[in-house]
């Protein structure tokens, strides 16, 4: 997934990445790889196979993000 266009689309559609991730859920976990324009890996995310696990990931991400922006 090209990171910059992905996040630009989220802004335009006024959606969160978690809403998109929920639409991608399947029976098995999937690895989402985000790249820059040069196809260099920026980060990856293991998309879980259930909405419950996705919500736990979202809570964890939110907590960690809030801690990082405090510092």
N, C-alpha and C. Protein backbone atom coordinates (compact mmCIF):
# COMPACT_ATOMS: atom_id res chain seq x y z
N UNK A 1 0.86 -1.17 0.00
CA UNK A 1 0.00 0.00 0.00
C UNK A 1 0.90 1.23 0.00
N UNK A 2 0.68 2.11 -0.95
CA UNK A 2 1.42 3.37 -0.97
C UNK A 2 0.86 4.25 0.16
N UNK A 3 1.70 4.59 1.11
CA UNK A 3 1.25 5.28 2.33
C UNK A 3 0.65 6.66 2.06
N UNK A 4 1.34 7.48 1.30
CA UNK A 4 0.88 8.86 1.11
C UNK A 4 -0.51 8.91 0.46
N UNK A 5 -0.72 8.24 -0.68
CA UNK A 5 -2.07 8.27 -1.27
C UNK A 5 -3.14 7.65 -0.36
N UNK A 6 -2.77 6.60 0.37
CA UNK A 6 -3.72 5.96 1.28
C UNK A 6 -4.22 6.96 2.32
N UNK A 7 -3.30 7.67 2.97
CA UNK A 7 -3.72 8.62 4.00
C UNK A 7 -4.41 9.86 3.42
N UNK A 8 -4.05 10.23 2.19
CA UNK A 8 -4.76 11.33 1.53
C UNK A 8 -6.21 10.95 1.24
N UNK A 9 -6.43 9.72 0.80
CA UNK A 9 -7.79 9.24 0.53
C UNK A 9 -8.61 9.23 1.83
N UNK A 10 -7.97 8.82 2.92
CA UNK A 10 -8.67 8.82 4.21
C UNK A 10 -9.15 10.23 4.56
N UNK A 11 -8.28 11.22 4.32
CA UNK A 11 -8.66 12.61 4.62
C UNK A 11 -9.84 13.05 3.77
N UNK A 12 -9.76 12.77 2.47
CA UNK A 12 -10.81 13.19 1.54
C UNK A 12 -12.14 12.53 1.90
N UNK A 13 -12.09 11.27 2.26
CA UNK A 13 -13.32 10.53 2.59
C UNK A 13 -13.76 10.71 4.04
N UNK A 14 -12.92 11.40 4.82
CA UNK A 14 -13.18 11.60 6.24
C UNK A 14 -13.42 10.26 6.95
N UNK A 15 -12.52 9.31 6.68
CA UNK A 15 -12.59 7.99 7.30
C UNK A 15 -11.31 7.74 8.08
N UNK A 16 -11.41 6.84 9.04
CA UNK A 16 -10.20 6.44 9.77
C UNK A 16 -9.62 5.20 9.11
N UNK A 17 -8.35 4.98 9.33
CA UNK A 17 -7.73 3.78 8.77
C UNK A 17 -8.36 2.53 9.37
N UNK A 18 -8.88 2.65 10.58
CA UNK A 18 -9.49 1.49 11.24
C UNK A 18 -10.79 1.09 10.54
N UNK A 19 -11.51 2.05 10.01
CA UNK A 19 -12.72 1.73 9.25
C UNK A 19 -12.36 0.95 7.99
N UNK A 20 -11.29 1.38 7.34
CA UNK A 20 -10.83 0.68 6.13
C UNK A 20 -10.33 -0.71 6.50
N UNK A 21 -9.53 -0.79 7.56
CA UNK A 21 -9.02 -2.09 7.99
C UNK A 21 -10.16 -3.06 8.28
N UNK A 22 -11.22 -2.57 8.90
CA UNK A 22 -12.37 -3.44 9.22
C UNK A 22 -12.99 -4.02 7.95
N UNK A 23 -12.97 -3.26 6.87
CA UNK A 23 -13.52 -3.74 5.60
C UNK A 23 -12.63 -4.80 4.96
N UNK A 24 -11.36 -4.85 5.36
CA UNK A 24 -10.41 -5.79 4.77
C UNK A 24 -10.31 -7.12 5.51
N UNK A 25 -11.00 -7.24 6.63
CA UNK A 25 -10.89 -8.46 7.44
C UNK A 25 -11.30 -9.70 6.65
N UNK A 26 -10.52 -10.76 6.84
CA UNK A 26 -10.80 -12.06 6.22
C UNK A 26 -10.64 -13.13 7.28
N UNK A 27 -10.78 -14.38 6.88
CA UNK A 27 -10.66 -15.50 7.82
C UNK A 27 -9.25 -15.67 8.38
N UNK A 28 -8.26 -15.22 7.63
CA UNK A 28 -6.87 -15.35 8.07
C UNK A 28 -6.25 -13.97 8.23
N UNK A 29 -5.24 -13.89 9.10
CA UNK A 29 -4.50 -12.64 9.26
C UNK A 29 -3.83 -12.28 7.93
N UNK A 30 -3.64 -10.98 7.71
CA UNK A 30 -2.97 -10.50 6.51
C UNK A 30 -1.92 -9.49 6.91
N UNK A 31 -0.83 -9.47 6.18
CA UNK A 31 0.19 -8.45 6.43
C UNK A 31 -0.03 -7.30 5.46
N UNK A 32 -0.20 -6.11 6.01
CA UNK A 32 -0.31 -4.90 5.21
C UNK A 32 1.04 -4.21 5.26
N UNK A 33 1.59 -3.94 4.10
CA UNK A 33 2.91 -3.31 4.01
C UNK A 33 2.73 -1.93 3.38
N UNK A 34 3.13 -0.92 4.11
CA UNK A 34 3.03 0.46 3.64
C UNK A 34 4.39 0.90 3.12
N UNK A 35 4.39 1.47 1.91
CA UNK A 35 5.63 1.89 1.28
C UNK A 35 5.57 3.36 0.89
N UNK A 36 6.75 3.91 0.62
CA UNK A 36 6.80 5.27 0.09
C UNK A 36 6.76 5.21 -1.44
N UNK A 37 6.98 6.35 -2.07
CA UNK A 37 6.92 6.42 -3.53
C UNK A 37 8.00 5.58 -4.21
N UNK A 38 9.08 5.29 -3.48
CA UNK A 38 10.19 4.49 -4.02
C UNK A 38 10.04 3.01 -3.68
N UNK A 39 8.88 2.64 -3.19
CA UNK A 39 8.59 1.26 -2.77
C UNK A 39 9.46 0.78 -1.61
N UNK A 40 9.97 1.72 -0.83
CA UNK A 40 10.71 1.37 0.39
C UNK A 40 9.69 1.16 1.51
N UNK A 41 9.89 0.12 2.28
CA UNK A 41 8.95 -0.20 3.35
C UNK A 41 9.05 0.84 4.46
N UNK A 42 7.92 1.44 4.80
CA UNK A 42 7.86 2.39 5.90
C UNK A 42 7.45 1.69 7.19
N UNK A 43 6.42 0.87 7.10
CA UNK A 43 5.97 0.08 8.24
C UNK A 43 5.02 -1.00 7.74
N UNK A 44 4.79 -1.96 8.60
CA UNK A 44 3.82 -3.00 8.26
C UNK A 44 2.86 -3.18 9.43
N UNK A 45 1.76 -3.82 9.14
CA UNK A 45 0.74 -4.08 10.16
C UNK A 45 0.14 -5.44 9.86
N UNK A 46 0.06 -6.27 10.89
CA UNK A 46 -0.59 -7.56 10.74
C UNK A 46 -2.08 -7.36 11.04
N UNK A 47 -2.87 -7.41 9.99
CA UNK A 47 -4.31 -7.24 10.13
C UNK A 47 -4.89 -8.52 10.72
N UNK A 48 -5.54 -8.41 11.87
CA UNK A 48 -6.09 -9.61 12.49
C UNK A 48 -7.27 -10.17 11.68
N UNK A 49 -7.78 -11.29 12.14
CA UNK A 49 -8.87 -11.93 11.41
C UNK A 49 -10.24 -11.69 12.05
N UNK A 50 -10.30 -10.90 13.12
CA UNK A 50 -11.59 -10.60 13.75
C UNK A 50 -11.70 -9.12 14.09
N UNK A 51 -12.92 -8.64 14.12
CA UNK A 51 -13.18 -7.25 14.48
C UNK A 51 -12.78 -6.98 15.93
N UNK A 52 -12.98 -7.96 16.79
CA UNK A 52 -12.61 -7.82 18.20
C UNK A 52 -11.11 -7.56 18.36
N UNK A 53 -10.30 -8.33 17.65
CA UNK A 53 -8.85 -8.15 17.71
C UNK A 53 -8.45 -6.80 17.11
N UNK A 54 -9.13 -6.41 16.04
CA UNK A 54 -8.85 -5.12 15.42
C UNK A 54 -9.12 -3.98 16.40
N UNK A 55 -10.22 -4.06 17.12
CA UNK A 55 -10.55 -3.02 18.11
C UNK A 55 -9.50 -2.96 19.22
N UNK A 56 -8.98 -4.11 19.63
CA UNK A 56 -7.91 -4.13 20.64
C UNK A 56 -6.66 -3.45 20.10
N UNK A 57 -6.33 -3.73 18.83
CA UNK A 57 -5.18 -3.08 18.20
C UNK A 57 -5.39 -1.57 18.15
N UNK A 58 -6.60 -1.15 17.83
CA UNK A 58 -6.89 0.27 17.75
C UNK A 58 -6.71 0.94 19.12
N UNK A 59 -7.20 0.29 20.16
CA UNK A 59 -7.05 0.83 21.51
C UNK A 59 -5.57 0.94 21.89
N UNK A 60 -4.81 -0.10 21.58
CA UNK A 60 -3.38 -0.10 21.89
C UNK A 60 -2.67 1.01 21.11
N UNK A 61 -2.98 1.13 19.82
CA UNK A 61 -2.37 2.15 18.98
C UNK A 61 -2.69 3.55 19.51
N UNK A 62 -3.95 3.78 19.85
CA UNK A 62 -4.38 5.09 20.36
C UNK A 62 -3.62 5.45 21.63
N UNK A 63 -3.51 4.50 22.53
CA UNK A 63 -2.81 4.73 23.79
C UNK A 63 -1.33 5.06 23.54
N UNK A 64 -0.68 4.26 22.69
CA UNK A 64 0.74 4.49 22.40
C UNK A 64 0.94 5.81 21.68
N UNK A 65 0.05 6.16 20.77
CA UNK A 65 0.16 7.41 20.03
C UNK A 65 0.01 8.60 20.97
N UNK A 66 -0.94 8.53 21.88
CA UNK A 66 -1.15 9.61 22.84
C UNK A 66 0.08 9.79 23.72
N UNK A 67 0.70 8.69 24.12
CA UNK A 67 1.92 8.76 24.93
C UNK A 67 3.05 9.44 24.15
N UNK A 68 3.17 9.11 22.87
CA UNK A 68 4.24 9.68 22.05
C UNK A 68 4.06 11.18 21.84
N UNK A 69 2.82 11.62 21.65
CA UNK A 69 2.63 13.05 21.40
C UNK A 69 2.72 13.88 22.67
N UNK A 70 2.60 13.23 23.82
CA UNK A 70 2.79 13.94 25.10
C UNK A 70 4.26 14.30 25.30
N UNK A 71 5.13 13.45 24.80
CA UNK A 71 6.58 13.65 25.01
C UNK A 71 7.22 14.49 23.96
